[in-house]
PDB file of N, CA and C in Angstrom:
ATOM      1  N   UNK A   1      -1.881   9.132  18.247  1.00  0.00           N
ATOM      2  CA  UNK A   1      -2.569   9.386  16.991  1.00  0.00           C
ATOM      3  C   UNK A   1      -2.272   8.261  16.003  1.00  0.00           C
ATOM      4  N   UNK A   2      -3.051   8.198  14.956  1.00  0.00           N
ATOM      5  CA  UNK A   2      -2.834   7.183  13.922  1.00  0.00           C
ATOM      6  C   UNK A   2      -1.491   7.384  13.231  1.00  0.00           C
ATOM      7  N   UNK A   3      -1.114   8.639  13.000  1.00  0.00           N
ATOM      8  CA  UNK A   3       0.172   8.918  12.354  1.00  0.00           C
ATOM      9  C   UNK A   3       1.336   8.421  13.197  1.00  0.00           C
ATOM     10  N   UNK A   4       1.266   8.667  14.496  1.00  0.00           N
ATOM     11  CA  UNK A   4       2.339   8.230  15.390  1.00  0.00           C
ATOM     12  C   UNK A   4       2.411   6.713  15.459  1.00  0.00           C
ATOM     13  N   UNK A   5       1.239   6.066  15.526  1.00  0.00           N
ATOM     14  CA  UNK A   5       1.208   4.601  15.580  1.00  0.00           C
ATOM     15  C   UNK A   5       1.776   4.007  14.301  1.00  0.00           C
ATOM     16  N   UNK A   6       1.423   4.593  13.171  1.00  0.00           N
ATOM     17  CA  UNK A   6       1.925   4.093  11.892  1.00  0.00           C
ATOM     18  C   UNK A   6       3.441   4.277  11.798  1.00  0.00           C
ATOM     19  N   UNK A   7       3.912   5.448  12.182  1.00  0.00           N
ATOM     20  CA  UNK A   7       5.352   5.707  12.134  1.00  0.00           C
ATOM     21  C   UNK A   7       6.106   4.740  13.040  1.00  0.00           C
ATOM     22  N   UNK A   8       5.553   4.479  14.225  1.00  0.00           N
ATOM     23  CA  UNK A   8       6.193   3.540  15.148  1.00  0.00           C
ATOM     24  C   UNK A   8       6.235   2.138  14.553  1.00  0.00           C
ATOM     25  N   UNK A   9       5.162   1.739  13.890  1.00  0.00           N
ATOM     26  CA  UNK A   9       5.137   0.422  13.256  1.00  0.00           C
ATOM     27  C   UNK A   9       6.196   0.323  12.168  1.00  0.00           C
ATOM     28  N   UNK A  10       6.295   1.337  11.321  1.00  0.00           N
ATOM     29  CA  UNK A  10       7.282   1.302  10.246  1.00  0.00           C
ATOM     30  C   UNK A  10       8.706   1.256  10.797  1.00  0.00           C
ATOM     31  N   UNK A  11       8.946   1.947  11.914  1.00  0.00           N
ATOM     32  CA  UNK A  11      10.276   1.964  12.518  1.00  0.00           C
ATOM     33  C   UNK A  11      10.579   0.695  13.305  1.00  0.00           C
ATOM     34  N   UNK A  12       9.563  -0.090  13.610  1.00  0.00           N
ATOM     35  CA  UNK A  12       9.739  -1.267  14.465  1.00  0.00           C
ATOM     36  C   UNK A  12      10.561  -2.372  13.831  1.00  0.00           C
ATOM     37  N   UNK A  13      10.658  -2.358  12.512  1.00  0.00           N
ATOM     38  CA  UNK A  13      11.373  -3.428  11.831  1.00  0.00           C
ATOM     39  C   UNK A  13      10.537  -4.669  11.625  1.00  0.00           C
ATOM     40  N   UNK A  14       9.230  -4.589  11.833  1.00  0.00           N
ATOM     41  CA  UNK A  14       8.361  -5.762  11.707  1.00  0.00           C
ATOM     42  C   UNK A  14       8.469  -6.405  10.331  1.00  0.00           C
ATOM     43  N   UNK A  15       8.623  -5.613   9.294  1.00  0.00           N
ATOM     44  CA  UNK A  15       8.732  -6.168   7.951  1.00  0.00           C
ATOM     45  C   UNK A  15      10.048  -6.913   7.756  1.00  0.00           C
ATOM     46  N   UNK A  16      11.071  -6.529   8.483  1.00  0.00           N
ATOM     47  CA  UNK A  16      12.365  -7.177   8.327  1.00  0.00           C
ATOM     48  C   UNK A  16      12.338  -8.617   8.815  1.00  0.00           C
ATOM     49  N   UNK A  17      11.338  -8.972   9.594  1.00  0.00           N
ATOM     50  CA  UNK A  17      11.231 -10.344  10.077  1.00  0.00           C
ATOM     51  C   UNK A  17      11.099 -11.323   8.919  1.00  0.00           C
ATOM     52  N   UNK A  18      10.574 -10.879   7.813  1.00  0.00           N
ATOM     53  CA  UNK A  18      10.428 -11.741   6.637  1.00  0.00           C
ATOM     54  C   UNK A  18      11.754 -11.921   5.913  1.00  0.00           C
ATOM     55  N   UNK A  19      12.751 -11.140   6.280  1.00  0.00           N
ATOM     56  CA  UNK A  19      14.077 -11.306   5.705  1.00  0.00           C
ATOM     57  C   UNK A  19      14.362 -10.450   4.486  1.00  0.00           C
ATOM     58  N   UNK A  20      13.389  -9.739   3.992  1.00  0.00           N
ATOM     59  CA  UNK A  20      13.598  -8.911   2.813  1.00  0.00           C
ATOM     60  C   UNK A  20      12.939  -7.557   3.017  1.00  0.00           C
ATOM     61  N   UNK A  21      13.566  -6.535   2.476  1.00  0.00           N
ATOM     62  CA  UNK A  21      12.952  -5.226   2.490  1.00  0.00           C
ATOM     63  C   UNK A  21      12.108  -5.035   1.244  1.00  0.00           C
ATOM     64  N   UNK A  22      11.604  -3.851   1.094  1.00  0.00           N
ATOM     65  CA  UNK A  22      10.782  -3.538  -0.072  1.00  0.00           C
ATOM     66  C   UNK A  22      11.642  -3.466  -1.324  1.00  0.00           C
ATOM     67  N   UNK A  23      11.036  -3.811  -2.445  1.00  0.00           N
ATOM     68  CA  UNK A  23      11.675  -3.543  -3.732  1.00  0.00           C
ATOM     69  C   UNK A  23      11.672  -2.028  -3.930  1.00  0.00           C
ATOM     70  N   UNK A  24      12.383  -1.557  -4.924  1.00  0.00           N
ATOM     71  CA  UNK A  24      12.378  -0.118  -5.205  1.00  0.00           C
ATOM     72  C   UNK A  24      10.953   0.359  -5.483  1.00  0.00           C
ATOM     73  N   UNK A  25      10.216  -0.395  -6.289  1.00  0.00           N
ATOM     74  CA  UNK A  25       8.832  -0.021  -6.590  1.00  0.00           C
ATOM     75  C   UNK A  25       7.965  -0.109  -5.340  1.00  0.00           C
ATOM     76  N   UNK A  26       8.168  -1.142  -4.532  1.00  0.00           N
ATOM     77  CA  UNK A  26       7.402  -1.292  -3.295  1.00  0.00           C
ATOM     78  C   UNK A  26       7.631  -0.133  -2.348  1.00  0.00           C
ATOM     79  N   UNK A  27       8.868   0.333  -2.254  1.00  0.00           N
ATOM     80  CA  UNK A  27       9.174   1.472  -1.385  1.00  0.00           C
ATOM     81  C   UNK A  27       8.451   2.729  -1.866  1.00  0.00           C
ATOM     82  N   UNK A  28       8.364   2.909  -3.171  1.00  0.00           N
ATOM     83  CA  UNK A  28       7.635   4.060  -3.719  1.00  0.00           C
ATOM     84  C   UNK A  28       6.154   3.946  -3.384  1.00  0.00           C
ATOM     85  N   UNK A  29       5.584   2.754  -3.546  1.00  0.00           N
ATOM     86  CA  UNK A  29       4.165   2.546  -3.233  1.00  0.00           C
ATOM     87  C   UNK A  29       3.892   2.808  -1.758  1.00  0.00           C
ATOM     88  N   UNK A  30       4.761   2.311  -0.878  1.00  0.00           N
ATOM     89  CA  UNK A  30       4.588   2.530   0.563  1.00  0.00           C
ATOM     90  C   UNK A  30       4.701   4.014   0.889  1.00  0.00           C
ATOM     91  N   UNK A  31       5.651   4.710   0.288  1.00  0.00           N
ATOM     92  CA  UNK A  31       5.800   6.148   0.528  1.00  0.00           C
ATOM     93  C   UNK A  31       4.557   6.905   0.071  1.00  0.00           C
ATOM     94  N   UNK A  32       3.991   6.504  -1.062  1.00  0.00           N
ATOM     95  CA  UNK A  32       2.768   7.148  -1.546  1.00  0.00           C
ATOM     96  C   UNK A  32       1.638   6.961  -0.540  1.00  0.00           C
ATOM     97  N   UNK A  33       1.443   5.722  -0.097  1.00  0.00           N
ATOM     98  CA  UNK A  33       0.359   5.431   0.849  1.00  0.00           C
ATOM     99  C   UNK A  33       0.566   6.200   2.148  1.00  0.00           C
ATOM    100  N   UNK A  34       1.786   6.209   2.654  1.00  0.00           N
ATOM    101  CA  UNK A  34       2.076   6.908   3.903  1.00  0.00           C
ATOM    102  C   UNK A  34       1.754   8.397   3.780  1.00  0.00           C
ATOM    103  N   UNK A  35       2.010   8.974   2.620  1.00  0.00           N
ATOM    104  CA  UNK A  35       1.715  10.394   2.400  1.00  0.00           C
ATOM    105  C   UNK A  35       0.216  10.681   2.387  1.00  0.00           C
ATOM    106  N   UNK A  36      -0.611   9.653   2.234  1.00  0.00           N
ATOM    107  CA  UNK A  36      -2.065   9.847   2.190  1.00  0.00           C
ATOM    108  C   UNK A  36      -2.717   9.696   3.568  1.00  0.00           C
ATOM    109  N   UNK A  37      -1.933   9.341   4.583  1.00  0.00           N
ATOM    110  CA  UNK A  37      -2.501   9.160   5.924  1.00  0.00           C
ATOM    111  C   UNK A  37      -3.285  10.396   6.346  1.00  0.00           C
ATOM    112  N   UNK A  38      -4.444  10.168   6.923  1.00  0.00           N
ATOM    113  CA  UNK A  38      -5.295  11.253   7.391  1.00  0.00           C
ATOM    114  C   UNK A  38      -6.360  11.671   6.395  1.00  0.00           C
ATOM    115  N   UNK A  39      -6.248  11.221   5.153  1.00  0.00           N
ATOM    116  CA  UNK A  39      -7.278  11.545   4.163  1.00  0.00           C
ATOM    117  C   UNK A  39      -8.467  10.615   4.372  1.00  0.00           C
ATOM    118  N   UNK A  40      -9.671  11.094   4.106  1.00  0.00           N
ATOM    119  CA  UNK A  40     -10.859  10.284   4.388  1.00  0.00           C
ATOM    120  C   UNK A  40     -11.072   9.141   3.397  1.00  0.00           C
ATOM    121  N   UNK A  41     -11.737   8.105   3.903  1.00  0.00           N
ATOM    122  CA  UNK A  41     -12.204   7.006   3.061  1.00  0.00           C
ATOM    123  C   UNK A  41     -13.472   7.472   2.360  1.00  0.00           C
ATOM    124  N   UNK A  42     -13.576   7.188   1.078  1.00  0.00           N
ATOM    125  CA  UNK A  42     -14.800   7.462   0.332  1.00  0.00           C
ATOM    126  C   UNK A  42     -14.960   6.370  -0.714  1.00  0.00           C
ATOM    127  N   UNK A  43     -16.089   5.692  -0.690  1.00  0.00           N
ATOM    128  CA  UNK A  43     -16.336   4.596  -1.619  1.00  0.00           C
ATOM    129  C   UNK A  43     -16.115   5.058  -3.052  1.00  0.00           C
ATOM    130  N   UNK A  44     -15.380   4.282  -3.813  1.00  0.00           N
ATOM    131  CA  UNK A  44     -15.088   4.500  -5.231  1.00  0.00           C
ATOM    132  C   UNK A  44     -14.131   5.662  -5.504  1.00  0.00           C
ATOM    133  N   UNK A  45     -13.537   6.237  -4.456  1.00  0.00           N
ATOM    134  CA  UNK A  45     -12.622   7.365  -4.654  1.00  0.00           C
ATOM    135  C   UNK A  45     -11.210   6.867  -4.943  1.00  0.00           C
ATOM    136  N   UNK A  46     -10.528   7.575  -5.830  1.00  0.00           N
ATOM    137  CA  UNK A  46      -9.142   7.229  -6.133  1.00  0.00           C
ATOM    138  C   UNK A  46      -8.240   8.454  -6.100  1.00  0.00           C
ATOM    139  N   UNK A  47      -8.548   9.371  -5.165  1.00  0.00           N
ATOM    140  CA  UNK A  47      -7.686  10.508  -4.896  1.00  0.00           C
ATOM    141  C   UNK A  47      -8.032  11.731  -5.720  1.00  0.00           C
ATOM    142  N   UNK A  48      -7.352  12.806  -5.486  1.00  0.00           N
ATOM    143  CA  UNK A  48      -6.284  12.941  -4.501  1.00  0.00           C
ATOM    144  C   UNK A  48      -6.753  13.333  -3.101  1.00  0.00           C
ATOM    145  N   UNK A  49      -8.032  13.686  -2.946  1.00  0.00           N
ATOM    146  CA  UNK A  49      -8.502  14.161  -1.638  1.00  0.00           C
ATOM    147  C   UNK A  49      -9.044  13.061  -0.744  1.00  0.00           C
ATOM    148  N   UNK A  50      -9.481  11.948  -1.322  1.00  0.00           N
ATOM    149  CA  UNK A  50      -9.995  10.807  -0.561  1.00  0.00           C
ATOM    150  C   UNK A  50      -9.785   9.551  -1.400  1.00  0.00           C
ATOM    151  N   UNK A  51      -9.836   8.412  -0.723  1.00  0.00           N
ATOM    152  CA  UNK A  51      -9.587   7.127  -1.388  1.00  0.00           C
ATOM    153  C   UNK A  51     -10.496   6.062  -0.818  1.00  0.00           C
ATOM    154  N   UNK A  52     -10.767   5.032  -1.623  1.00  0.00           N
ATOM    155  CA  UNK A  52     -11.251   3.781  -1.057  1.00  0.00           C
ATOM    156  C   UNK A  52     -10.055   2.833  -1.073  1.00  0.00           C
ATOM    157  N   UNK A  53     -10.235   1.633  -0.555  1.00  0.00           N
ATOM    158  CA  UNK A  53      -9.089   0.718  -0.390  1.00  0.00           C
ATOM    159  C   UNK A  53      -8.379   0.427  -1.703  1.00  0.00           C
ATOM    160  N   UNK A  54      -9.140  -0.012  -2.701  1.00  0.00           N
ATOM    161  CA  UNK A  54      -8.513  -0.379  -3.970  1.00  0.00           C
ATOM    162  C   UNK A  54      -8.070   0.849  -4.761  1.00  0.00           C
ATOM    163  N   UNK A  55      -8.735   1.965  -4.553  1.00  0.00           N
ATOM    164  CA  UNK A  55      -8.292   3.203  -5.188  1.00  0.00           C
ATOM    165  C   UNK A  55      -6.929   3.623  -4.667  1.00  0.00           C
ATOM    166  N   UNK A  56      -6.724   3.443  -3.359  1.00  0.00           N
ATOM    167  CA  UNK A  56      -5.433   3.782  -2.759  1.00  0.00           C
ATOM    168  C   UNK A  56      -4.335   2.853  -3.273  1.00  0.00           C
ATOM    169  N   UNK A  57      -4.602   1.552  -3.300  1.00  0.00           N
ATOM    170  CA  UNK A  57      -3.557   0.632  -3.764  1.00  0.00           C
ATOM    171  C   UNK A  57      -3.251   0.836  -5.245  1.00  0.00           C
ATOM    172  N   UNK A  58      -4.271   1.072  -6.054  1.00  0.00           N
ATOM    173  CA  UNK A  58      -4.001   1.264  -7.484  1.00  0.00           C
ATOM    174  C   UNK A  58      -3.221   2.554  -7.728  1.00  0.00           C
ATOM    175  N   UNK A  59      -3.520   3.605  -6.982  1.00  0.00           N
ATOM    176  CA  UNK A  59      -2.782   4.856  -7.145  1.00  0.00           C
ATOM    177  C   UNK A  59      -1.364   4.750  -6.589  1.00  0.00           C
ATOM    178  N   UNK A  60      -1.200   3.988  -5.509  1.00  0.00           N
ATOM    179  CA  UNK A  60       0.141   3.791  -4.948  1.00  0.00           C
ATOM    180  C   UNK A  60       1.045   3.096  -5.956  1.00  0.00           C
ATOM    181  N   UNK A  61       0.527   2.058  -6.596  1.00  0.00           N
ATOM    182  CA  UNK A  61       1.333   1.352  -7.589  1.00  0.00           C
ATOM    183  C   UNK A  61       1.507   2.180  -8.851  1.00  0.00           C
ATOM    184  N   UNK A  62       0.538   3.014  -9.189  1.00  0.00           N
ATOM    185  CA  UNK A  62       0.708   3.915 -10.336  1.00  0.00           C
ATOM    186  C   UNK A  62       1.863   4.884 -10.079  1.00  0.00           C
ATOM    187  N   UNK A  63       1.997   5.336  -8.828  1.00  0.00           N
ATOM    188  CA  UNK A  63       3.111   6.221  -8.472  1.00  0.00           C
ATOM    189  C   UNK A  63       4.453   5.526  -8.690  1.00  0.00           C
ATOM    190  N   UNK A  64       4.443   4.193  -8.563  1.00  0.00           N
ATOM    191  CA  UNK A  64       5.657   3.398  -8.770  1.00  0.00           C
ATOM    192  C   UNK A  64       5.776   2.913 -10.217  1.00  0.00           C
ATOM    193  N   UNK A  65       4.951   3.473 -11.096  1.00  0.00           N
ATOM    194  CA  UNK A  65       4.957   3.119 -12.526  1.00  0.00           C
ATOM    195  C   UNK A  65       4.571   1.663 -12.772  1.00  0.00           C
ATOM    196  N   UNK A  66       3.687   1.137 -11.922  1.00  0.00           N
ATOM    197  CA  UNK A  66       3.159  -0.222 -12.096  1.00  0.00           C
ATOM    198  C   UNK A  66       1.648  -0.112 -12.173  1.00  0.00           C
ATOM    199  N   UNK A  67       1.056  -0.750 -13.137  1.00  0.00           N
ATOM    200  CA  UNK A  67      -0.393  -0.738 -13.279  1.00  0.00           C
ATOM    201  C   UNK A  67      -0.964  -1.989 -12.639  1.00  0.00           C
ATOM    202  N   UNK A  68      -1.926  -1.796 -11.735  1.00  0.00           N
ATOM    203  CA  UNK A  68      -2.668  -2.917 -11.176  1.00  0.00           C
ATOM    204  C   UNK A  68      -4.150  -2.619 -11.394  1.00  0.00           C
ATOM    205  N   UNK A  69      -4.999  -3.627 -11.320  1.00  0.00           N
ATOM    206  CA  UNK A  69      -6.431  -3.397 -11.524  1.00  0.00           C
ATOM    207  C   UNK A  69      -6.988  -2.367 -10.539  1.00  0.00           C
ATOM    208  N   UNK A  70      -8.061  -1.708 -10.925  1.00  0.00           N
ATOM    209  CA  UNK A  70      -8.641  -0.643 -10.117  1.00  0.00           C
ATOM    210  C   UNK A  70      -9.484  -1.163  -8.953  1.00  0.00           C
ATOM    211  N   UNK A  71     -10.303  -2.174  -9.154  1.00  0.00           N
ATOM    212  CA  UNK A  71     -11.215  -2.586  -8.081  1.00  0.00           C
ATOM    213  C   UNK A  71     -10.632  -3.730  -7.261  1.00  0.00           C
ATOM    214  N   UNK A  72     -11.119  -3.859  -6.036  1.00  0.00           N
ATOM    215  CA  UNK A  72     -10.630  -4.936  -5.167  1.00  0.00           C
ATOM    216  C   UNK A  72     -10.949  -6.304  -5.751  1.00  0.00           C
ATOM    217  N   UNK A  73     -12.095  -6.428  -6.407  1.00  0.00           N
ATOM    218  CA  UNK A  73     -12.446  -7.705  -7.022  1.00  0.00           C
ATOM    219  C   UNK A  73     -11.441  -8.071  -8.119  1.00  0.00           C
ATOM    220  N   UNK A  74     -11.105  -7.104  -8.958  1.00  0.00           N
ATOM    221  CA  UNK A  74     -10.128  -7.353 -10.020  1.00  0.00           C
ATOM    222  C   UNK A  74      -8.745  -7.627  -9.437  1.00  0.00           C
ATOM    223  N   UNK A  75      -8.383  -6.880  -8.398  1.00  0.00           N
ATOM    224  CA  UNK A  75      -7.093  -7.110  -7.754  1.00  0.00           C
ATOM    225  C   UNK A  75      -7.036  -8.531  -7.197  1.00  0.00           C
ATOM    226  N   UNK A  76      -8.094  -8.980  -6.539  1.00  0.00           N
ATOM    227  CA  UNK A  76      -8.135 -10.326  -5.974  1.00  0.00           C
ATOM    228  C   UNK A  76      -7.994 -11.389  -7.066  1.00  0.00           C
ATOM    229  N   UNK A  77      -8.708 -11.204  -8.164  1.00  0.00           N
ATOM    230  CA  UNK A  77      -8.672 -12.197  -9.246  1.00  0.00           C
ATOM    231  C   UNK A  77      -7.351 -12.204 -10.012  1.00  0.00           C
ATOM    232  N   UNK A  78      -6.768 -11.034 -10.222  1.00  0.00           N
ATOM    233  CA  UNK A  78      -5.647 -10.942 -11.158  1.00  0.00           C
ATOM    234  C   UNK A  78      -4.254 -10.900 -10.534  1.00  0.00           C
ATOM    235  N   UNK A  79      -4.150 -10.471  -9.292  1.00  0.00           N
ATOM    236  CA  UNK A  79      -2.818 -10.334  -8.695  1.00  0.00           C
ATOM    237  C   UNK A  79      -2.406 -11.613  -7.975  1.00  0.00           C
ATOM    238  N   UNK A  80      -1.110 -11.883  -7.909  1.00  0.00           N
ATOM    239  CA  UNK A  80      -0.654 -13.117  -7.260  1.00  0.00           C
ATOM    240  C   UNK A  80      -0.869 -13.080  -5.748  1.00  0.00           C
ATOM    241  N   UNK A  81      -1.073 -14.250  -5.176  1.00  0.00           N
ATOM    242  CA  UNK A  81      -1.182 -14.387  -3.720  1.00  0.00           C
ATOM    243  C   UNK A  81       0.236 -14.462  -3.153  1.00  0.00           C
ATOM    244  N   UNK A  82       0.440 -13.840  -2.015  1.00  0.00           N
ATOM    245  CA  UNK A  82       1.748 -13.852  -1.365  1.00  0.00           C
ATOM    246  C   UNK A  82       1.575 -14.469   0.010  1.00  0.00           C
ATOM    247  N   UNK A  83       2.339 -15.489   0.312  1.00  0.00           N
ATOM    248  CA  UNK A  83       2.277 -16.133   1.615  1.00  0.00           C
ATOM    249  C   UNK A  83       2.787 -15.210   2.712  1.00  0.00           C
ATOM    250  N   UNK A  84       2.312 -15.406   3.933  1.00  0.00           N
ATOM    251  CA  UNK A  84       2.718 -14.554   5.048  1.00  0.00           C
ATOM    252  C   UNK A  84       4.230 -14.500   5.203  1.00  0.00           C
ATOM    253  N   UNK A  85       4.897 -15.625   5.066  1.00  0.00           N
ATOM    254  CA  UNK A  85       6.349 -15.639   5.259  1.00  0.00           C
ATOM    255  C   UNK A  85       7.088 -14.908   4.142  1.00  0.00           C
ATOM    256  N   UNK A  86       6.416 -14.662   3.033  1.00  0.00           N
ATOM    257  CA  UNK A  86       7.041 -13.979   1.901  1.00  0.00           C
ATOM    258  C   UNK A  86       6.647 -12.514   1.782  1.00  0.00           C
ATOM    259  N   UNK A  87       5.814 -12.009   2.691  1.00  0.00           N
ATOM    260  CA  UNK A  87       5.376 -10.618   2.605  1.00  0.00           C
ATOM    261  C   UNK A  87       6.516  -9.667   2.919  1.00  0.00           C
ATOM    262  N   UNK A  88       6.461  -8.518   2.262  1.00  0.00           N
ATOM    263  CA  UNK A  88       7.387  -7.432   2.524  1.00  0.00           C
ATOM    264  C   UNK A  88       6.690  -6.133   2.158  1.00  0.00           C
ATOM    265  N   UNK A  89       7.227  -4.993   2.549  1.00  0.00           N
ATOM    266  CA  UNK A  89       6.547  -3.727   2.265  1.00  0.00           C
ATOM    267  C   UNK A  89       6.259  -3.562   0.780  1.00  0.00           C
ATOM    268  N   UNK A  90       5.089  -2.987   0.500  1.00  0.00           N
ATOM    269  CA  UNK A  90       4.721  -2.746  -0.889  1.00  0.00           C
ATOM    270  C   UNK A  90       4.048  -3.940  -1.479  1.00  0.00           C
TER     271      UNK A  90
END
């Protein structure tokens, strides 16, 4: 199932390859997203019963008390780019 695959990925330590774990806020955002697994995708939805991509990320960061733009276009324009070697959870 998708839940089992996701859990296996999180347990695999793949994120540790970058050398850093999640920040406290990042861990909260990841926990929020993980709790939404199985909910349907719906364009322009921002929860709690369904989400679109940017709705999910904006709500995840809101759970961590961080405000990010609502739409994917705004997120792309306003948020910093992170190189692959610098990625970590959250």
